[in-house]
Amino acid sequence: MRSPHRRSPTTSATDHSGVQPAKSGDGSSQARKQTAIKGKQAVVKGELHPRNPHRGRYDMAALVSASPALAPFVIQTPAGSDSISFSDPLAVKALNRALLAHYYDIAHWDIPAGYLCPPIPGRADYLHYLTDLLVEANAGILPEGGRVKALDIGVGANVIYPLLGNRSFGWQMVGSDVSVQAIESARQTVSANPLVHGQIELRLQANQQRHFTGIWAQDERFDLVLCNPPFHASEADMAREAERKWRGLDKSRQQRGAKGSKRGQRGRANTDRHASRSVSPGAAPALNFAGQAAELWCPGGEEAFVTRMIEESCGFSRQCLWFSSLVAHSASLPAIKRALANSGASEVKVIEMSQGQKISRFVAWSFHSLAQRREWAAEHWQKESAHG
């Protein structure tokens, strides 16, 4: 089976990220080479994680070859390069399908109308930075295959993190959501792609006030928890942020057009490039990834959501190596850090990611010391690998 890693523009055994193949004892049906990671991965503004296959410009010819349905949406920019209109939600969805087909062998993917259409390069970046946490505990080796199990809180109808996590690293993935429709849509996508059968599980969270209780079994272990929480505290806040963002985008596009510069085409992973809107006269702009209410806003916004997540994680502290969540607004960090200081976590990290002109971040916390994390790796990854 082809590994999505091998479609990266860099094909040498050792690339600029310091990644080298290493021997693996994984005998599973998804056997993959373990990866030795050398050195510290520095955040470079405008660039994705060194192991992210989506660095550089979109190769539209390759994407159209993987998904011919993208072809009608390809346009030529004033600079002469191929692109799509990111203001067209159908084009954005077609691009996502092509990216999933080309890099991850996902042949069938769709979302219901009105649900979040995620920017795949940025979503992949979160996962690649999470792998650095596993590498730290595992003697510089990236653990891959079914030995690693991750939980995505708020998986959404697009089921993007489980798809990327499984197809990039072979991880066992669990996704939870409070929306019945989102879970059903995610299940349809999983069912339509035989390569992920038995490797992605979807669970309905019946209690909207809980993140883990009710979907996390008493004796169940996760190596990672990840989450893309609702950003906004209300629908009004969401609308104001959308308007501000689109004004900034329109100004940026006008400036680029006036200068005729190609510079703005390099930062492909900026989440804004996967956004689109339709505007009628006098109407407020509507983001094509605006999604359902549960995807974008909740009382108290991400600050309250992540704080509750931290508080609840204390009850599952020995069953997970690393908890994590994206944090969209830096203003949310002080309250989140206070909650973490009160949680008893052994280690807390705020990890920045660069996506185009935007610096994003996630917070990660573990109730295990470094020595305990290394013991976890030896027990769950190395030992199982040696006897696989």
Protein backbone atom coordinates (compact mmCIF):
# COMPACT_ATOMS: atom_id res chain seq x y z
CA MET A 1 0.00 0.00 0.00
CA ARG A 2 1.26 3.45 -0.82
CA SER A 3 2.12 5.67 2.09
CA PRO A 4 0.86 9.27 1.81
CA HIS A 5 4.26 10.44 3.12
CA ARG A 6 5.92 9.35 -0.10
CA ARG A 7 4.10 11.88 -2.21
CA SER A 8 5.94 14.76 -0.62
CA PRO A 9 7.89 16.90 -3.08
CA THR A 10 11.09 15.73 -1.34
CA THR A 11 11.99 12.18 -2.30
CA SER A 12 15.46 11.68 -0.81
CA ALA A 13 15.97 9.39 2.19
CA THR A 14 17.03 12.39 4.29
CA ASP A 15 15.23 15.65 3.61
CA HIS A 16 15.37 19.18 4.99
CA SER A 17 13.31 18.15 8.02
CA GLY A 18 15.90 15.67 9.22
CA VAL A 19 13.61 12.69 8.67
CA GLN A 20 15.14 9.31 7.93
CA PRO A 21 13.54 5.89 7.50
CA ALA A 22 14.41 3.45 10.28
CA LYS A 23 13.82 -0.25 10.73
CA SER A 24 10.43 -1.22 12.06
CA GLY A 25 9.22 -4.34 13.72
CA ASP A 26 5.57 -3.59 13.04
CA GLY A 27 4.05 -6.66 11.48
CA SER A 28 0.53 -5.28 11.16
CA SER A 29 -1.40 -5.18 7.88
CA GLN A 30 -0.59 -1.47 7.72
CA ALA A 31 3.12 -2.01 8.26
CA ARG A 32 5.00 1.24 7.74
CA LYS A 33 8.57 2.26 8.25
CA GLN A 34 9.16 4.01 11.56
CA THR A 35 10.73 7.41 11.19
CA ALA A 36 13.75 8.72 13.05
CA ILE A 37 13.51 12.44 13.75
CA LYS A 38 16.68 14.45 14.19
CA GLY A 39 16.90 17.86 15.78
CA LYS A 40 14.23 20.37 16.78
CA GLN A 41 11.58 21.46 14.30
CA ALA A 42 11.60 25.27 14.18
CA VAL A 43 8.55 27.28 13.13
CA VAL A 44 9.34 29.32 10.03
CA LYS A 45 6.78 31.99 9.25
CA GLY A 46 4.84 31.20 6.12
CA GLU A 47 5.85 27.54 6.09
CA LEU A 48 4.12 24.38 7.21
CA HIS A 49 5.68 21.66 9.34
CA PRO A 50 8.76 20.18 7.62
CA ARG A 51 7.03 16.79 7.29
CA ASN A 52 3.77 18.21 5.96
CA PRO A 53 3.36 17.03 2.33
CA HIS A 54 1.39 20.19 1.48
CA ARG A 55 4.38 22.56 1.54
CA GLY A 56 4.83 24.56 -1.64
CA ARG A 57 2.26 25.42 -4.28
CA TYR A 58 -0.63 23.22 -5.29
CA ASP A 59 0.32 20.98 -8.21
CA MET A 60 -2.95 21.41 -10.06
CA ALA A 61 -2.02 19.00 -12.86
CA ALA A 62 -1.36 16.22 -10.34
CA LEU A 63 -4.53 17.05 -8.41
CA VAL A 64 -6.66 17.01 -11.54
CA SER A 65 -5.12 13.68 -12.49
CA ALA A 66 -6.11 12.28 -9.09
CA SER A 67 -9.60 13.83 -9.25
CA PRO A 68 -10.73 14.91 -12.74
CA ALA A 69 -13.80 16.59 -11.22
CA LEU A 70 -11.48 19.41 -10.16
CA ALA A 71 -10.66 20.35 -13.77
CA PRO A 72 -13.67 22.64 -14.45
CA PHE A 73 -12.72 24.77 -11.45
CA VAL A 74 -9.09 25.40 -12.40
CA ILE A 75 -8.39 28.98 -13.41
CA GLN A 76 -5.25 30.91 -14.30
CA THR A 77 -4.08 33.69 -12.00
CA PRO A 78 -2.81 37.04 -13.31
CA ALA A 79 0.69 35.71 -12.56
CA GLY A 80 0.08 32.81 -14.95
CA SER A 81 -0.18 29.95 -12.46
CA ASP A 82 -3.05 27.50 -12.06
CA SER A 83 -5.36 27.91 -9.08
CA ILE A 84 -9.05 27.87 -8.22
CA SER A 85 -11.47 30.57 -7.11
CA PHE A 86 -11.45 30.29 -3.33
CA SER A 87 -14.66 32.34 -3.28
CA ASP A 88 -16.47 29.40 -4.90
CA PRO A 89 -17.51 26.79 -2.30
CA LEU A 90 -17.92 24.11 -4.98
CA ALA A 91 -14.36 24.73 -6.15
CA VAL A 92 -13.08 24.50 -2.58
CA LYS A 93 -14.88 21.20 -2.05
CA ALA A 94 -13.51 19.86 -5.34
CA LEU A 95 -9.99 20.87 -4.26
CA ASN A 96 -10.41 19.03 -0.94
CA ARG A 97 -11.51 15.89 -2.75
CA ALA A 98 -8.49 16.09 -5.03
CA LEU A 99 -6.08 16.61 -2.12
CA LEU A 100 -7.55 13.65 -0.27
CA ALA A 101 -7.37 11.46 -3.36
CA HIS A 102 -3.85 12.48 -4.36
CA TYR A 103 -2.11 12.44 -0.98
CA TYR A 104 -4.20 10.04 1.06
CA ASP A 105 -5.93 7.64 -1.38
CA ILE A 106 -9.34 8.72 -0.10
CA ALA A 107 -11.57 8.11 -3.10
CA HIS A 108 -14.89 9.31 -1.68
CA TRP A 109 -15.43 12.36 0.53
CA ASP A 110 -18.37 14.70 0.95
CA ILE A 111 -20.07 16.92 3.53
CA PRO A 112 -23.70 18.00 3.88
CA ALA A 113 -24.61 21.53 2.88
CA GLY A 114 -23.81 24.04 5.59
CA TYR A 115 -21.10 22.03 7.31
CA LEU A 116 -17.46 22.95 7.85
CA CYS A 117 -15.26 22.53 4.77
CA PRO A 118 -11.78 22.28 6.31
CA PRO A 119 -8.46 23.55 4.92
CA ILE A 120 -6.57 20.28 4.60
CA PRO A 121 -2.97 21.62 4.70
CA GLY A 122 -3.61 23.36 8.02
CA ARG A 123 -5.41 20.34 9.47
CA ALA A 124 -2.49 18.13 8.50
CA ASP A 125 -0.09 20.55 10.16
CA TYR A 126 -1.75 20.10 13.56
CA LEU A 127 -1.27 16.35 13.28
CA HIS A 128 2.37 16.64 12.24
CA TYR A 129 3.14 18.87 15.20
CA LEU A 130 1.38 16.40 17.49
CA THR A 131 3.67 13.66 16.22
CA ASP A 132 6.62 15.63 17.62
CA LEU A 133 5.18 15.01 21.10
CA LEU A 134 5.22 11.27 20.45
CA VAL A 135 8.72 11.39 19.00
CA GLU A 136 10.00 13.05 22.16
CA ALA A 137 8.88 10.09 24.26
CA ASN A 138 9.94 7.41 21.79
CA ALA A 139 13.71 7.85 21.45
CA GLY A 140 13.37 10.04 18.37
CA ILE A 141 11.24 7.48 16.52
CA LEU A 142 7.83 8.40 15.12
CA PRO A 143 5.44 5.62 16.19
CA GLU A 144 3.14 4.61 13.39
CA GLY A 145 0.47 2.01 12.71
CA GLY A 146 -2.27 0.68 14.93
CA ARG A 147 -0.13 0.86 18.07
CA VAL A 148 -1.12 4.55 18.31
CA LYS A 149 -4.71 5.50 19.09
CA ALA A 150 -6.06 9.06 18.92
CA LEU A 151 -9.36 10.68 19.85
CA ASP A 152 -10.79 13.64 17.93
CA ILE A 153 -13.27 15.67 19.98
CA GLY A 154 -15.80 17.31 17.65
CA VAL A 155 -14.99 15.23 14.58
CA GLY A 156 -17.62 16.98 12.46
CA ALA A 157 -19.28 15.78 9.28
CA ASN A 158 -15.98 16.12 7.39
CA VAL A 159 -14.16 13.51 9.58
CA ILE A 160 -10.93 15.09 8.38
CA TYR A 161 -8.61 14.44 11.33
CA PRO A 162 -9.37 10.70 11.50
CA LEU A 163 -8.85 10.38 7.75
CA LEU A 164 -5.53 12.25 7.81
CA GLY A 165 -4.33 10.56 11.00
CA ASN A 166 -5.01 7.08 9.70
CA ARG A 167 -3.80 7.58 6.14
CA SER A 168 -0.69 9.53 7.17
CA PHE A 169 0.45 7.38 10.08
CA GLY A 170 -1.77 4.30 10.21
CA TRP A 171 -3.17 5.34 13.60
CA GLN A 172 -6.37 3.93 15.04
CA MET A 173 -8.74 6.90 15.19
CA VAL A 174 -11.88 7.63 17.19
CA GLY A 175 -14.03 10.67 16.47
CA SER A 176 -16.84 11.99 18.65
CA ASP A 177 -19.50 14.62 18.06
CA VAL A 178 -22.72 15.91 19.62
CA SER A 179 -24.43 16.07 16.21
CA VAL A 180 -26.27 12.99 14.94
CA GLN A 181 -26.09 14.30 11.36
CA ALA A 182 -22.36 14.93 11.61
CA ILE A 183 -21.74 11.40 12.89
CA GLU A 184 -23.90 9.88 10.15
CA SER A 185 -22.10 11.88 7.45
CA ALA A 186 -18.72 10.85 8.86
CA ARG A 187 -19.80 7.20 8.91
CA GLN A 188 -20.86 7.41 5.27
CA THR A 189 -17.41 8.69 4.32
CA VAL A 190 -15.68 5.95 6.29
CA SER A 191 -17.95 3.30 4.80
CA ALA A 192 -17.21 4.55 1.27
CA ASN A 193 -13.44 4.14 1.71
CA PRO A 194 -12.38 0.50 2.29
CA LEU A 195 -8.82 1.51 3.17
CA VAL A 196 -10.02 2.91 6.51
CA HIS A 197 -12.52 0.21 7.41
CA GLY A 198 -11.96 -1.00 10.96
CA GLN A 199 -9.55 1.84 11.67
CA ILE A 200 -11.88 4.80 12.25
CA GLU A 201 -14.68 4.65 14.80
CA LEU A 202 -17.36 7.32 15.25
CA ARG A 203 -19.12 7.87 18.58
CA LEU A 204 -22.08 10.11 19.38
CA GLN A 205 -21.64 12.26 22.49
CA ALA A 206 -25.12 12.44 23.98
CA ASN A 207 -24.20 14.95 26.70
CA GLN A 208 -23.31 18.34 25.24
CA GLN A 209 -21.74 19.42 28.54
CA ARG A 210 -19.17 16.61 28.44
CA HIS A 211 -16.20 15.93 26.21
CA PHE A 212 -14.95 12.54 27.44
CA THR A 213 -17.51 11.06 29.83
CA GLY A 214 -19.91 8.86 27.90
CA ILE A 215 -17.65 8.16 24.92
CA TRP A 216 -14.41 7.09 26.67
CA ALA A 217 -14.49 3.52 27.99
CA GLN A 218 -13.31 2.88 31.53
CA ASP A 219 -10.27 0.83 30.49
CA GLU A 220 -9.60 2.62 27.18
CA ARG A 221 -6.24 4.23 26.43
CA PHE A 222 -5.53 7.06 23.99
CA ASP A 223 -2.08 8.28 23.07
CA LEU A 224 -3.43 11.60 21.80
CA VAL A 225 -6.54 13.70 22.17
CA LEU A 226 -7.03 16.48 19.63
CA CYS A 227 -9.74 19.08 19.19
CA ASN A 228 -10.72 21.99 16.98
CA PRO A 229 -13.11 23.76 19.36
CA PRO A 230 -15.85 26.26 18.54
CA PHE A 231 -14.04 29.61 18.30
CA HIS A 232 -16.78 32.10 19.07
CA ALA A 233 -18.85 32.92 22.13
CA SER A 234 -22.02 33.75 20.15
CA GLU A 235 -23.45 33.86 16.66
CA ALA A 236 -23.05 37.66 16.67
CA ASP A 237 -19.35 37.35 17.49
CA MET A 238 -18.99 34.87 14.65
CA ALA A 239 -20.62 37.25 12.16
CA ARG A 240 -18.40 40.16 13.23
CA GLU A 241 -15.26 38.06 12.87
CA ALA A 242 -16.34 36.86 9.43
CA GLU A 243 -16.87 40.42 8.25
CA ARG A 244 -13.50 41.53 9.61
CA LYS A 245 -11.73 38.61 7.98
CA TRP A 246 -13.28 39.16 4.58
CA ARG A 247 -12.48 42.86 4.59
CA GLY A 248 -8.87 41.95 5.28
CA LEU A 249 -8.88 39.34 2.53
CA ASP A 250 -10.38 41.72 -0.01
CA LYS A 251 -7.77 44.38 0.85
CA SER A 252 -4.98 41.83 0.55
CA ARG A 253 -6.22 40.64 -2.84
CA GLN A 254 -6.41 44.20 -4.13
CA GLN A 255 -2.86 44.87 -2.98
CA ARG A 256 -1.54 41.71 -4.60
CA GLY A 257 -3.35 42.50 -7.82
CA ALA A 258 -1.91 46.02 -7.91
CA LYS A 259 1.63 44.77 -7.39
CA GLY A 260 1.31 41.74 -9.64
CA SER A 261 3.23 39.83 -7.02
CA LYS A 262 3.48 36.08 -6.79
CA ARG A 263 4.49 36.26 -3.16
CA GLY A 264 0.99 35.70 -1.83
CA GLN A 265 0.73 32.35 -3.62
CA ARG A 266 3.36 30.70 -1.46
CA GLY A 267 1.51 30.50 1.83
CA ARG A 268 -0.98 27.93 0.61
CA ALA A 269 -1.97 26.58 3.98
CA ASN A 270 -3.45 29.80 5.31
CA THR A 271 -6.93 28.82 6.39
CA ASP A 272 -8.37 31.87 4.67
CA ARG A 273 -7.53 30.35 1.29
CA HIS A 274 -9.99 27.56 1.94
CA ALA A 275 -12.67 30.04 2.83
CA SER A 276 -15.25 31.33 0.42
CA ARG A 277 -18.35 33.44 0.64
CA SER A 278 -21.41 34.34 -1.30
CA VAL A 279 -22.68 37.88 -0.89
CA SER A 280 -25.92 39.35 -2.09
CA PRO A 281 -26.47 43.11 -2.06
CA GLY A 282 -26.88 44.31 1.51
CA ALA A 283 -26.27 40.87 2.98
CA ALA A 284 -23.57 39.89 5.44
CA PRO A 285 -20.82 37.68 4.07
CA ALA A 286 -21.28 33.95 4.60
CA LEU A 287 -18.19 31.82 5.01
CA ASN A 288 -18.30 28.60 3.02
CA PHE A 289 -16.78 26.89 6.05
CA ALA A 290 -19.21 28.64 8.42
CA GLY A 291 -20.59 25.27 9.38
CA GLN A 292 -23.19 24.45 11.98
CA ALA A 293 -23.55 26.38 15.22
CA ALA A 294 -21.91 23.60 17.24
CA GLU A 295 -18.88 23.76 14.96
CA LEU A 296 -18.28 27.49 15.31
CA TRP A 297 -19.65 28.88 18.54
CA CYS A 298 -20.68 27.93 22.05
CA PRO A 299 -21.37 29.96 25.23
CA GLY A 300 -18.03 31.31 26.38
CA GLY A 301 -16.32 30.41 23.09
CA GLU A 302 -13.13 28.42 22.86
CA GLU A 303 -11.91 29.72 26.22
CA ALA A 304 -14.82 28.09 28.06
CA PHE A 305 -14.78 25.00 25.85
CA VAL A 306 -11.09 24.24 26.35
CA THR A 307 -11.27 25.08 30.05
CA ARG A 308 -14.02 22.48 30.51
CA MET A 309 -11.95 20.05 28.49
CA ILE A 310 -8.97 20.59 30.82
CA GLU A 311 -11.11 20.12 33.92
CA GLU A 312 -12.61 16.89 32.60
CA SER A 313 -9.24 15.55 31.45
CA CYS A 314 -8.17 15.28 35.11
CA GLY A 315 -10.46 12.28 35.45
CA PHE A 316 -8.76 10.54 32.52
CA SER A 317 -5.20 11.58 33.36
CA ARG A 318 -3.72 8.08 33.44
CA GLN A 319 -5.51 6.93 30.29
CA CYS A 320 -3.99 9.46 27.89
CA LEU A 321 -0.45 10.48 27.09
CA TRP A 322 -1.18 13.94 25.62
CA PHE A 323 -4.36 16.01 25.54
CA SER A 324 -4.46 18.92 23.11
CA SER A 325 -6.68 21.56 21.54
CA LEU A 326 -6.31 24.24 18.91
CA VAL A 327 -6.62 27.80 20.23
CA ALA A 328 -7.64 30.31 17.58
CA HIS A 329 -7.33 33.49 19.62
CA SER A 330 -4.23 34.34 21.65
CA ALA A 331 -6.51 36.26 24.02
CA SER A 332 -7.91 32.90 25.16
CA LEU A 333 -4.53 31.67 26.38
CA PRO A 334 -4.32 33.35 29.82
CA ALA A 335 -7.51 31.67 31.08
CA ILE A 336 -6.52 28.37 29.52
CA LYS A 337 -3.09 28.54 31.14
CA ARG A 338 -4.68 29.25 34.51
CA ALA A 339 -6.89 26.20 34.13
CA LEU A 340 -3.87 24.10 33.24
CA ALA A 341 -1.93 25.41 36.24
CA ASN A 342 -4.79 24.26 38.46
CA SER A 343 -5.16 20.88 36.73
CA GLY A 344 -2.04 19.22 38.09
CA ALA A 345 -0.67 18.55 34.60
CA SER A 346 3.00 17.55 34.63
CA GLU A 347 3.82 19.37 31.41
CA VAL A 348 2.12 22.03 29.32
CA LYS A 349 3.17 23.20 25.86
CA VAL A 350 1.87 26.01 23.67
CA ILE A 351 3.01 25.13 20.17
CA GLU A 352 2.86 27.66 17.35
CA MET A 353 2.20 26.72 13.74
CA SER A 354 2.73 28.94 10.72
CA GLN A 355 0.13 28.86 7.96
CA GLY A 356 0.74 31.43 5.26
CA GLN A 357 0.78 34.85 6.89
CA LYS A 358 -1.00 33.51 9.96
CA ILE A 359 0.51 32.08 13.13
CA SER A 360 -1.85 29.63 14.80
CA ARG A 361 -1.31 27.50 17.87
CA PHE A 362 -2.42 24.60 19.96
CA VAL A 363 -2.06 23.85 23.63
CA ALA A 364 -1.00 20.38 24.79
CA TRP A 365 -0.87 18.98 28.29
CA SER A 366 0.18 15.70 29.86
CA PHE A 367 -0.23 14.29 33.35
CA HIS A 368 2.88 12.15 32.80
CA SER A 369 6.46 13.23 33.43
CA LEU A 370 9.00 12.76 30.65
CA ALA A 371 10.25 9.57 32.33
CA GLN A 372 6.67 8.29 32.53
CA ARG A 373 6.05 9.19 28.89
CA ARG A 374 9.10 7.18 27.91
CA GLU A 375 7.78 4.25 29.94
CA TRP A 376 4.46 4.64 28.12
CA ALA A 377 6.24 4.47 24.77
CA ALA A 378 8.22 1.40 25.78
CA GLU A 379 5.09 -0.34 27.03
CA HIS A 380 2.63 0.51 24.28
CA TRP A 381 4.67 1.20 21.15
CA GLN A 382 8.10 -0.41 21.35
CA LYS A 383 7.10 -3.63 23.09
CA GLU A 384 4.14 -4.19 20.79
CA SER A 385 6.33 -3.37 17.80
CA ALA A 386 8.96 -5.87 18.88
CA HIS A 387 6.35 -8.62 19.20
CA GLY A 388 4.24 -7.55 16.20
